[in-house]
Every structure is written in structure tokens, then in C-alpha cells.
């Protein structure tokens, strides 16, 4: 599977937060959802390692966030900022967007 991006998590987070249109919104969502995102990441880390880089678990988390009104790109940012496996998250995003 080709990965979307091999930059470090910090580089990915900085790219989002430095975006003039998206950055402020993303930071506000982080403040609102930090505890929930941290719980999601902890839950994923406790699950059996069934998928390479946990992409299947991240697909499920992104789908749940999407059903709550969070876009896939914003959900990906939140999961990466929360300490999730950035390659697994980006692979999940790739599969969910067919890119």
C-alpha cells in the first residue's frame, strides 16, 4: 500500500495549524475534543494488532468522527495530534477517500 505522506507527525500537525483557512478551526476542535481523541487513541492502542499500522482501527475512528460531523481531514489531524500512528491514519484516510 502506498502511503499518502511520510512526513513526521509534527510536520503534518504544523502544516495544518499553519494553514490560514483551516488552522484556526483545527486548533479549536482540538481544544473541544482533546479528551475524547485521547480516549480513542488509548482504546486503539489496547486493541489487537490486526492491521498494519492500525489502519483498520483508524478507519473505524474516522468513520465515527465523520458521523459526528467532523470531516475526514479534520479527524485525521485530530488523531495524529492525539498521538495516533500517522501512517496508519493516513492509510485509513487514503482508503476512505479512494485516493
PDB file of N, CA and C in Angstrom:
ATOM      1  N   UNK A   1       0.840  -1.171   0.000  1.00  0.00           N
ATOM      2  CA  UNK A   1       0.000   0.000   0.000  1.00  0.00           C
ATOM      3  C   UNK A   1       0.889   1.240   0.000  1.00  0.00           C
ATOM      4  N   UNK A   2       0.615   2.175  -0.903  1.00  0.00           N
ATOM      5  CA  UNK A   2       1.346   3.437  -0.939  1.00  0.00           C
ATOM      6  C   UNK A   2       0.789   4.356   0.138  1.00  0.00           C
ATOM      7  N   UNK A   3       1.680   4.968   0.868  1.00  0.00           N
ATOM      8  CA  UNK A   3       1.266   5.895   1.916  1.00  0.00           C
ATOM      9  C   UNK A   3       1.102   7.285   1.319  1.00  0.00           C
ATOM     10  N   UNK A   4       0.214   8.079   1.892  1.00  0.00           N
ATOM     11  CA  UNK A   4      -0.003   9.437   1.417  1.00  0.00           C
ATOM     12  C   UNK A   4       1.176  10.347   1.732  1.00  0.00           C
ATOM     13  N   UNK A   5       1.789  10.169   2.872  1.00  0.00           N
ATOM     14  CA  UNK A   5       2.763  11.136   3.327  1.00  0.00           C
ATOM     15  C   UNK A   5       3.669  10.488   4.368  1.00  0.00           C
ATOM     16  N   UNK A   6       4.969  10.670   4.215  1.00  0.00           N
ATOM     17  CA  UNK A   6       5.902  10.120   5.185  1.00  0.00           C
ATOM     18  C   UNK A   6       6.511  11.192   6.084  1.00  0.00           C
ATOM     19  N   UNK A   7       5.945  12.399   6.051  1.00  0.00           N
ATOM     20  CA  UNK A   7       6.456  13.417   6.954  1.00  0.00           C
ATOM     21  C   UNK A   7       6.208  12.989   8.390  1.00  0.00           C
ATOM     22  N   UNK A   8       6.925  13.605   9.292  1.00  0.00           N
ATOM     23  CA  UNK A   8       6.744  13.270  10.701  1.00  0.00           C
ATOM     24  C   UNK A   8       5.396  13.802  11.179  1.00  0.00           C
ATOM     25  N   UNK A   9       4.874  13.239  12.273  1.00  0.00           N
ATOM     26  CA  UNK A   9       3.620  13.761  12.817  1.00  0.00           C
ATOM     27  C   UNK A   9       3.684  15.267  13.102  1.00  0.00           C
ATOM     28  N   UNK A  10       4.810  15.743  13.631  1.00  0.00           N
ATOM     29  CA  UNK A  10       4.940  17.170  13.925  1.00  0.00           C
ATOM     30  C   UNK A  10       4.840  17.995  12.645  1.00  0.00           C
ATOM     31  N   UNK A  11       5.454  17.541  11.569  1.00  0.00           N
ATOM     32  CA  UNK A  11       5.381  18.276  10.303  1.00  0.00           C
ATOM     33  C   UNK A  11       3.949  18.311   9.776  1.00  0.00           C
ATOM     34  N   UNK A  12       3.226  17.212   9.928  1.00  0.00           N
ATOM     35  CA  UNK A  12       1.840  17.163   9.475  1.00  0.00           C
ATOM     36  C   UNK A  12       0.962  18.101  10.300  1.00  0.00           C
ATOM     37  N   UNK A  13       1.147  18.078  11.616  1.00  0.00           N
ATOM     38  CA  UNK A  13       0.372  18.949  12.504  1.00  0.00           C
ATOM     39  C   UNK A  13       0.681  20.414  12.199  1.00  0.00           C
ATOM     40  N   UNK A  14       1.959  20.740  12.048  1.00  0.00           N
ATOM     41  CA  UNK A  14       2.346  22.123  11.743  1.00  0.00           C
ATOM     42  C   UNK A  14       1.753  22.584  10.411  1.00  0.00           C
ATOM     43  N   UNK A  15       1.723  21.700   9.417  1.00  0.00           N
ATOM     44  CA  UNK A  15       1.166  22.063   8.112  1.00  0.00           C
ATOM     45  C   UNK A  15      -0.305  22.435   8.237  1.00  0.00           C
ATOM     46  N   UNK A  16      -1.043  21.691   9.046  1.00  0.00           N
ATOM     47  CA  UNK A  16      -2.462  22.004   9.244  1.00  0.00           C
ATOM     48  C   UNK A  16      -2.613  23.299  10.025  1.00  0.00           C
ATOM     49  N   UNK A  17      -1.904  23.414  11.128  1.00  0.00           N
ATOM     50  CA  UNK A  17      -2.078  24.567  12.004  1.00  0.00           C
ATOM     51  C   UNK A  17      -1.591  25.869  11.374  1.00  0.00           C
ATOM     52  N   UNK A  18      -0.685  25.790  10.412  1.00  0.00           N
ATOM     53  CA  UNK A  18      -0.180  26.986   9.745  1.00  0.00           C
ATOM     54  C   UNK A  18      -1.013  27.376   8.528  1.00  0.00           C
ATOM     55  N   UNK A  19      -2.004  26.551   8.183  1.00  0.00           N
ATOM     56  CA  UNK A  19      -2.899  26.865   7.074  1.00  0.00           C
ATOM     57  C   UNK A  19      -3.862  27.945   7.535  1.00  0.00           C
ATOM     58  N   UNK A  20      -3.904  29.063   6.807  1.00  0.00           N
ATOM     59  CA  UNK A  20      -4.717  30.202   7.248  1.00  0.00           C
ATOM     60  C   UNK A  20      -6.205  29.873   7.339  1.00  0.00           C
ATOM     61  N   UNK A  21      -6.721  29.115   6.399  1.00  0.00           N
ATOM     62  CA  UNK A  21      -8.158  28.827   6.390  1.00  0.00           C
ATOM     63  C   UNK A  21      -8.534  27.721   7.370  1.00  0.00           C
ATOM     64  N   UNK A  22      -7.719  26.718   7.488  1.00  0.00           N
ATOM     65  CA  UNK A  22      -8.069  25.514   8.231  1.00  0.00           C
ATOM     66  C   UNK A  22      -7.469  25.487   9.639  1.00  0.00           C
ATOM     67  N   UNK A  23      -6.344  26.151   9.821  1.00  0.00           N
ATOM     68  CA  UNK A  23      -5.584  26.043  11.065  1.00  0.00           C
ATOM     69  C   UNK A  23      -6.332  26.449  12.315  1.00  0.00           C
ATOM     70  N   UNK A  24      -6.984  27.589  12.282  1.00  0.00           N
ATOM     71  CA  UNK A  24      -7.700  28.070  13.471  1.00  0.00           C
ATOM     72  C   UNK A  24      -8.867  27.153  13.827  1.00  0.00           C
ATOM     73  N   UNK A  25      -9.569  26.687  12.824  1.00  0.00           N
ATOM     74  CA  UNK A  25     -10.679  25.752  13.064  1.00  0.00           C
ATOM     75  C   UNK A  25     -10.154  24.469  13.681  1.00  0.00           C
ATOM     76  N   UNK A  26      -9.074  23.945  13.117  1.00  0.00           N
ATOM     77  CA  UNK A  26      -8.493  22.696  13.619  1.00  0.00           C
ATOM     78  C   UNK A  26      -8.070  22.834  15.077  1.00  0.00           C
ATOM     79  N   UNK A  27      -7.434  23.953  15.413  1.00  0.00           N
ATOM     80  CA  UNK A  27      -6.994  24.171  16.798  1.00  0.00           C
ATOM     81  C   UNK A  27      -8.183  24.250  17.754  1.00  0.00           C
ATOM     82  N   UNK A  28      -9.268  24.889  17.321  1.00  0.00           N
ATOM     83  CA  UNK A  28     -10.458  24.988  18.173  1.00  0.00           C
ATOM     84  C   UNK A  28     -11.087  23.616  18.400  1.00  0.00           C
ATOM     85  N   UNK A  29     -11.148  22.805  17.351  1.00  0.00           N
ATOM     86  CA  UNK A  29     -11.671  21.442  17.507  1.00  0.00           C
ATOM     87  C   UNK A  29     -10.796  20.638  18.460  1.00  0.00           C
ATOM     88  N   UNK A  30      -9.488  20.833  18.395  1.00  0.00           N
ATOM     89  CA  UNK A  30      -8.590  20.116  19.293  1.00  0.00           C
ATOM     90  C   UNK A  30      -8.901  20.468  20.751  1.00  0.00           C
ATOM     91  N   UNK A  31      -9.097  21.738  21.016  1.00  0.00           N
ATOM     92  CA  UNK A  31      -9.414  22.176  22.389  1.00  0.00           C
ATOM     93  C   UNK A  31     -10.716  21.514  22.849  1.00  0.00           C
ATOM     94  N   UNK A  32     -11.698  21.468  21.975  1.00  0.00           N
ATOM     95  CA  UNK A  32     -13.001  20.886  22.333  1.00  0.00           C
ATOM     96  C   UNK A  32     -12.961  19.366  22.492  1.00  0.00           C
ATOM     97  N   UNK A  33     -12.161  18.684  21.671  1.00  0.00           N
ATOM     98  CA  UNK A  33     -12.227  17.226  21.602  1.00  0.00           C
ATOM     99  C   UNK A  33     -10.987  16.497  22.110  1.00  0.00           C
ATOM    100  N   UNK A  34     -10.057  17.210  22.694  1.00  0.00           N
ATOM    101  CA  UNK A  34      -8.797  16.591  23.114  1.00  0.00           C
ATOM    102  C   UNK A  34      -9.010  15.355  23.990  1.00  0.00           C
ATOM    103  N   UNK A  35      -9.853  15.438  24.988  1.00  0.00           N
ATOM    104  CA  UNK A  35     -10.065  14.299  25.885  1.00  0.00           C
ATOM    105  C   UNK A  35     -10.649  13.093  25.149  1.00  0.00           C
ATOM    106  N   UNK A  36     -11.632  13.353  24.279  1.00  0.00           N
ATOM    107  CA  UNK A  36     -12.256  12.264  23.534  1.00  0.00           C
ATOM    108  C   UNK A  36     -11.265  11.618  22.564  1.00  0.00           C
ATOM    109  N   UNK A  37     -10.454  12.442  21.906  1.00  0.00           N
ATOM    110  CA  UNK A  37      -9.460  11.930  20.963  1.00  0.00           C
ATOM    111  C   UNK A  37      -8.419  11.102  21.708  1.00  0.00           C
ATOM    112  N   UNK A  38      -7.990  11.591  22.852  1.00  0.00           N
ATOM    113  CA  UNK A  38      -7.022  10.843  23.665  1.00  0.00           C
ATOM    114  C   UNK A  38      -7.601   9.486  24.064  1.00  0.00           C
ATOM    115  N   UNK A  39      -8.871   9.446  24.433  1.00  0.00           N
ATOM    116  CA  UNK A  39      -9.521   8.179  24.778  1.00  0.00           C
ATOM    117  C   UNK A  39      -9.574   7.237  23.569  1.00  0.00           C
ATOM    118  N   UNK A  40      -9.864   7.785  22.394  1.00  0.00           N
ATOM    119  CA  UNK A  40      -9.912   6.966  21.176  1.00  0.00           C
ATOM    120  C   UNK A  40      -8.541   6.349  20.902  1.00  0.00           C
ATOM    121  N   UNK A  41      -7.494   7.152  20.996  1.00  0.00           N
ATOM    122  CA  UNK A  41      -6.134   6.655  20.735  1.00  0.00           C
ATOM    123  C   UNK A  41      -5.757   5.581  21.750  1.00  0.00           C
ATOM    124  N   UNK A  42      -6.060   5.803  23.012  1.00  0.00           N
ATOM    125  CA  UNK A  42      -5.758   4.797  24.045  1.00  0.00           C
ATOM    126  C   UNK A  42      -6.503   3.501  23.762  1.00  0.00           C
ATOM    127  N   UNK A  43      -7.752   3.607  23.349  1.00  0.00           N
ATOM    128  CA  UNK A  43      -8.545   2.428  23.016  1.00  0.00           C
ATOM    129  C   UNK A  43      -7.939   1.673  21.836  1.00  0.00           C
ATOM    130  N   UNK A  44      -7.537   2.396  20.816  1.00  0.00           N
ATOM    131  CA  UNK A  44      -6.923   1.757  19.643  1.00  0.00           C
ATOM    132  C   UNK A  44      -5.623   1.068  20.037  1.00  0.00           C
ATOM    133  N   UNK A  45      -4.831   1.710  20.869  1.00  0.00           N
ATOM    134  CA  UNK A  45      -3.549   1.129  21.285  1.00  0.00           C
ATOM    135  C   UNK A  45      -3.719  -0.145  22.098  1.00  0.00           C
ATOM    136  N   UNK A  46      -4.882  -0.333  22.720  1.00  0.00           N
ATOM    137  CA  UNK A  46      -5.136  -1.530  23.519  1.00  0.00           C
ATOM    138  C   UNK A  46      -5.714  -2.680  22.694  1.00  0.00           C
ATOM    139  N   UNK A  47      -6.125  -2.395  21.463  1.00  0.00           N
ATOM    140  CA  UNK A  47      -6.739  -3.418  20.615  1.00  0.00           C
ATOM    141  C   UNK A  47      -5.672  -4.322  20.018  1.00  0.00           C
ATOM    142  N   UNK A  48      -6.058  -5.551  19.645  1.00  0.00           N
ATOM    143  CA  UNK A  48      -5.104  -6.444  18.981  1.00  0.00           C
ATOM    144  C   UNK A  48      -4.582  -5.813  17.697  1.00  0.00           C
ATOM    145  N   UNK A  49      -3.343  -6.087  17.375  1.00  0.00           N
ATOM    146  CA  UNK A  49      -2.707  -5.529  16.183  1.00  0.00           C
ATOM    147  C   UNK A  49      -3.110  -6.364  14.960  1.00  0.00           C
ATOM    148  N   UNK A  50      -4.309  -6.096  14.446  1.00  0.00           N
ATOM    149  CA  UNK A  50      -4.846  -6.850  13.317  1.00  0.00           C
ATOM    150  C   UNK A  50      -4.506  -6.230  11.971  1.00  0.00           C
ATOM    151  N   UNK A  51      -4.164  -4.941  11.967  1.00  0.00           N
ATOM    152  CA  UNK A  51      -3.939  -4.203  10.730  1.00  0.00           C
ATOM    153  C   UNK A  51      -2.576  -3.548  10.760  1.00  0.00           C
ATOM    154  N   UNK A  52      -1.926  -3.472   9.587  1.00  0.00           N
ATOM    155  CA  UNK A  52      -0.648  -2.790   9.501  1.00  0.00           C
ATOM    156  C   UNK A  52      -0.823  -1.336   9.923  1.00  0.00           C
ATOM    157  N   UNK A  53      -0.058  -0.909  10.892  1.00  0.00           N
ATOM    158  CA  UNK A  53      -0.119   0.455  11.433  1.00  0.00           C
ATOM    159  C   UNK A  53      -1.488   0.824  11.987  1.00  0.00           C
ATOM    160  N   UNK A  54      -2.349  -0.162  12.227  1.00  0.00           N
ATOM    161  CA  UNK A  54      -3.653   0.074  12.833  1.00  0.00           C
ATOM    162  C   UNK A  54      -4.665   0.746  11.926  1.00  0.00           C
ATOM    163  N   UNK A  55      -4.438   0.711  10.600  1.00  0.00           N
ATOM    164  CA  UNK A  55      -5.302   1.478   9.703  1.00  0.00           C
ATOM    165  C   UNK A  55      -6.769   1.099   9.822  1.00  0.00           C
ATOM    166  N   UNK A  56      -7.080  -0.155  10.088  1.00  0.00           N
ATOM    167  CA  UNK A  56      -8.477  -0.573  10.216  1.00  0.00           C
ATOM    168  C   UNK A  56      -9.155   0.057  11.423  1.00  0.00           C
ATOM    169  N   UNK A  57      -8.423   0.139  12.519  1.00  0.00           N
ATOM    170  CA  UNK A  57      -8.964   0.777  13.717  1.00  0.00           C
ATOM    171  C   UNK A  57      -9.141   2.278  13.485  1.00  0.00           C
ATOM    172  N   UNK A  58      -8.194   2.868  12.759  1.00  0.00           N
ATOM    173  CA  UNK A  58      -8.311   4.301  12.465  1.00  0.00           C
ATOM    174  C   UNK A  58      -9.444   4.575  11.480  1.00  0.00           C
ATOM    175  N   UNK A  59      -9.708   3.662  10.572  1.00  0.00           N
ATOM    176  CA  UNK A  59     -10.863   3.817   9.679  1.00  0.00           C
ATOM    177  C   UNK A  59     -12.148   3.882  10.497  1.00  0.00           C
ATOM    178  N   UNK A  60     -12.250   3.002  11.472  1.00  0.00           N
ATOM    179  CA  UNK A  60     -13.424   2.983  12.338  1.00  0.00           C
ATOM    180  C   UNK A  60     -13.541   4.290  13.134  1.00  0.00           C
ATOM    181  N   UNK A  61     -12.413   4.762  13.663  1.00  0.00           N
ATOM    182  CA  UNK A  61     -12.423   6.011  14.433  1.00  0.00           C
ATOM    183  C   UNK A  61     -12.799   7.192  13.542  1.00  0.00           C
ATOM    184  N   UNK A  62     -12.239   7.242  12.337  1.00  0.00           N
ATOM    185  CA  UNK A  62     -12.570   8.329  11.413  1.00  0.00           C
ATOM    186  C   UNK A  62     -14.035   8.284  11.014  1.00  0.00           C
ATOM    187  N   UNK A  63     -14.554   7.077  10.817  1.00  0.00           N
ATOM    188  CA  UNK A  63     -15.970   6.942  10.470  1.00  0.00           C
ATOM    189  C   UNK A  63     -16.860   7.446  11.608  1.00  0.00           C
ATOM    190  N   UNK A  64     -16.507   7.114  12.840  1.00  0.00           N
ATOM    191  CA  UNK A  64     -17.276   7.600  13.997  1.00  0.00           C
ATOM    192  C   UNK A  64     -17.219   9.117  14.095  1.00  0.00           C
ATOM    193  N   UNK A  65     -16.039   9.672  13.893  1.00  0.00           N
ATOM    194  CA  UNK A  65     -15.910  11.139  13.928  1.00  0.00           C
ATOM    195  C   UNK A  65     -16.717  11.781  12.804  1.00  0.00           C
ATOM    196  N   UNK A  66     -16.676  11.159  11.631  1.00  0.00           N
ATOM    197  CA  UNK A  66     -17.428  11.688  10.486  1.00  0.00           C
ATOM    198  C   UNK A  66     -18.930  11.701  10.780  1.00  0.00           C
ATOM    199  N   UNK A  67     -19.417  10.641  11.413  1.00  0.00           N
ATOM    200  CA  UNK A  67     -20.840  10.573  11.765  1.00  0.00           C
ATOM    201  C   UNK A  67     -21.213  11.641  12.795  1.00  0.00           C
ATOM    202  N   UNK A  68     -20.214  12.141  13.514  1.00  0.00           N
ATOM    203  CA  UNK A  68     -20.431  13.209  14.499  1.00  0.00           C
ATOM    204  C   UNK A  68     -20.271  14.593  13.884  1.00  0.00           C
ATOM    205  N   UNK A  69     -20.012  14.644  12.586  1.00  0.00           N
ATOM    206  CA  UNK A  69     -19.904  15.926  11.897  1.00  0.00           C
ATOM    207  C   UNK A  69     -18.499  16.439  11.678  1.00  0.00           C
ATOM    208  N   UNK A  70     -17.489  15.626  11.980  1.00  0.00           N
ATOM    209  CA  UNK A  70     -16.095  16.018  11.788  1.00  0.00           C
ATOM    210  C   UNK A  70     -15.640  15.491  10.426  1.00  0.00           C
ATOM    211  N   UNK A  71     -15.076  16.353   9.604  1.00  0.00           N
ATOM    212  CA  UNK A  71     -14.612  15.910   8.290  1.00  0.00           C
ATOM    213  C   UNK A  71     -13.466  14.912   8.431  1.00  0.00           C
ATOM    214  N   UNK A  72     -13.233  14.137   7.383  1.00  0.00           N
ATOM    215  CA  UNK A  72     -12.155  13.157   7.418  1.00  0.00           C
ATOM    216  C   UNK A  72     -10.791  13.822   7.585  1.00  0.00           C
ATOM    217  N   UNK A  73     -10.578  14.939   6.908  1.00  0.00           N
ATOM    218  CA  UNK A  73      -9.281  15.609   7.035  1.00  0.00           C
ATOM    219  C   UNK A  73      -9.082  16.165   8.444  1.00  0.00           C
ATOM    220  N   UNK A  74     -10.124  16.736   9.010  1.00  0.00           N
ATOM    221  CA  UNK A  74     -10.027  17.250  10.377  1.00  0.00           C
ATOM    222  C   UNK A  74      -9.866  16.095  11.363  1.00  0.00           C
ATOM    223  N   UNK A  75     -10.613  15.019  11.162  1.00  0.00           N
ATOM    224  CA  UNK A  75     -10.483  13.853  12.031  1.00  0.00           C
ATOM    225  C   UNK A  75      -9.081  13.272  11.982  1.00  0.00           C
ATOM    226  N   UNK A  76      -8.484  13.243  10.794  1.00  0.00           N
ATOM    227  CA  UNK A  76      -7.111  12.743  10.654  1.00  0.00           C
ATOM    228  C   UNK A  76      -6.139  13.601  11.440  1.00  0.00           C
ATOM    229  N   UNK A  77      -6.286  14.912  11.294  1.00  0.00           N
ATOM    230  CA  UNK A  77      -5.441  15.846  12.057  1.00  0.00           C
ATOM    231  C   UNK A  77      -5.574  15.587  13.556  1.00  0.00           C
ATOM    232  N   UNK A  78      -6.816  15.464  14.029  1.00  0.00           N
ATOM    233  CA  UNK A  78      -7.048  15.274  15.463  1.00  0.00           C
ATOM    234  C   UNK A  78      -6.418  13.976  15.964  1.00  0.00           C
ATOM    235  N   UNK A  79      -6.567  12.902  15.193  1.00  0.00           N
ATOM    236  CA  UNK A  79      -5.997  11.618  15.611  1.00  0.00           C
ATOM    237  C   UNK A  79      -4.471  11.661  15.614  1.00  0.00           C
ATOM    238  N   UNK A  80      -3.881  12.333  14.630  1.00  0.00           N
ATOM    239  CA  UNK A  80      -2.420  12.461  14.599  1.00  0.00           C
ATOM    240  C   UNK A  80      -1.959  13.325  15.767  1.00  0.00           C
ATOM    241  N   UNK A  81      -2.615  14.443  15.984  1.00  0.00           N
ATOM    242  CA  UNK A  81      -2.252  15.330  17.101  1.00  0.00           C
ATOM    243  C   UNK A  81      -2.413  14.600  18.434  1.00  0.00           C
ATOM    244  N   UNK A  82      -3.373  13.685  18.505  1.00  0.00           N
ATOM    245  CA  UNK A  82      -3.601  12.929  19.726  1.00  0.00           C
ATOM    246  C   UNK A  82      -2.605  11.804  19.958  1.00  0.00           C
ATOM    247  N   UNK A  83      -1.686  11.623  19.021  1.00  0.00           N
ATOM    248  CA  UNK A  83      -0.636  10.623  19.218  1.00  0.00           C
ATOM    249  C   UNK A  83      -0.856   9.316  18.481  1.00  0.00           C
ATOM    250  N   UNK A  84      -1.822   9.286  17.576  1.00  0.00           N
ATOM    251  CA  UNK A  84      -2.057   8.076  16.796  1.00  0.00           C
ATOM    252  C   UNK A  84      -0.943   7.827  15.794  1.00  0.00           C
ATOM    253  N   UNK A  85      -0.894   6.620  15.266  1.00  0.00           N
ATOM    254  CA  UNK A  85       0.098   6.249  14.264  1.00  0.00           C
ATOM    255  C   UNK A  85      -0.220   6.993  12.966  1.00  0.00           C
ATOM    256  N   UNK A  86       0.603   7.961  12.618  1.00  0.00           N
ATOM    257  CA  UNK A  86       0.270   8.816  11.482  1.00  0.00           C
ATOM    258  C   UNK A  86       0.222   8.062  10.161  1.00  0.00           C
ATOM    259  N   UNK A  87       1.027   7.048   9.998  1.00  0.00           N
ATOM    260  CA  UNK A  87       0.980   6.279   8.752  1.00  0.00           C
ATOM    261  C   UNK A  87      -0.318   5.477   8.689  1.00  0.00           C
ATOM    262  N   UNK A  88      -0.715   4.872   9.798  1.00  0.00           N
ATOM    263  CA  UNK A  88      -1.977   4.140   9.840  1.00  0.00           C
ATOM    264  C   UNK A  88      -3.169   5.056   9.589  1.00  0.00           C
ATOM    265  N   UNK A  89      -3.118   6.261  10.154  1.00  0.00           N
ATOM    266  CA  UNK A  89      -4.208   7.225   9.967  1.00  0.00           C
ATOM    267  C   UNK A  89      -4.273   7.674   8.513  1.00  0.00           C
ATOM    268  N   UNK A  90      -3.125   7.975   7.918  1.00  0.00           N
ATOM    269  CA  UNK A  90      -3.115   8.410   6.527  1.00  0.00           C
ATOM    270  C   UNK A  90      -3.521   7.279   5.580  1.00  0.00           C
ATOM    271  N   UNK A  91      -3.148   6.040   5.911  1.00  0.00           N
ATOM    272  CA  UNK A  91      -3.592   4.905   5.098  1.00  0.00           C
ATOM    273  C   UNK A  91      -5.108   4.752   5.182  1.00  0.00           C
ATOM    274  N   UNK A  92      -5.655   4.917   6.378  1.00  0.00           N
ATOM    275  CA  UNK A  92      -7.111   4.842   6.550  1.00  0.00           C
ATOM    276  C   UNK A  92      -7.792   5.943   5.738  1.00  0.00           C
ATOM    277  N   UNK A  93      -7.241   7.144   5.802  1.00  0.00           N
ATOM    278  CA  UNK A  93      -7.792   8.268   5.046  1.00  0.00           C
ATOM    279  C   UNK A  93      -7.752   7.977   3.547  1.00  0.00           C
ATOM    280  N   UNK A  94      -6.649   7.432   3.099  1.00  0.00           N
ATOM    281  CA  UNK A  94      -6.499   7.100   1.678  1.00  0.00           C
ATOM    282  C   UNK A  94      -7.573   6.099   1.249  1.00  0.00           C
ATOM    283  N   UNK A  95      -7.781   5.073   2.032  1.00  0.00           N
ATOM    284  CA  UNK A  95      -8.788   4.065   1.693  1.00  0.00           C
ATOM    285  C   UNK A  95     -10.195   4.641   1.725  1.00  0.00           C
ATOM    286  N   UNK A  96     -10.447   5.521   2.663  1.00  0.00           N
ATOM    287  CA  UNK A  96     -11.802   6.079   2.811  1.00  0.00           C
ATOM    288  C   UNK A  96     -12.127   7.122   1.743  1.00  0.00           C
ATOM    289  N   UNK A  97     -11.092   7.702   1.141  1.00  0.00           N
ATOM    290  CA  UNK A  97     -11.318   8.728   0.112  1.00  0.00           C
ATOM    291  C   UNK A  97     -10.965   8.221  -1.277  1.00  0.00           C
ATOM    292  N   UNK A  98     -10.561   6.958  -1.376  1.00  0.00           N
ATOM    293  CA  UNK A  98     -10.185   6.345  -2.649  1.00  0.00           C
ATOM    294  C   UNK A  98      -9.100   7.117  -3.376  1.00  0.00           C
ATOM    295  N   UNK A  99      -8.125   7.623  -2.621  1.00  0.00           N
ATOM    296  CA  UNK A  99      -7.021   8.367  -3.231  1.00  0.00           C
ATOM    297  C   UNK A  99      -5.734   7.625  -3.084  1.00  0.00           C
TER     298      UNK A  99
END
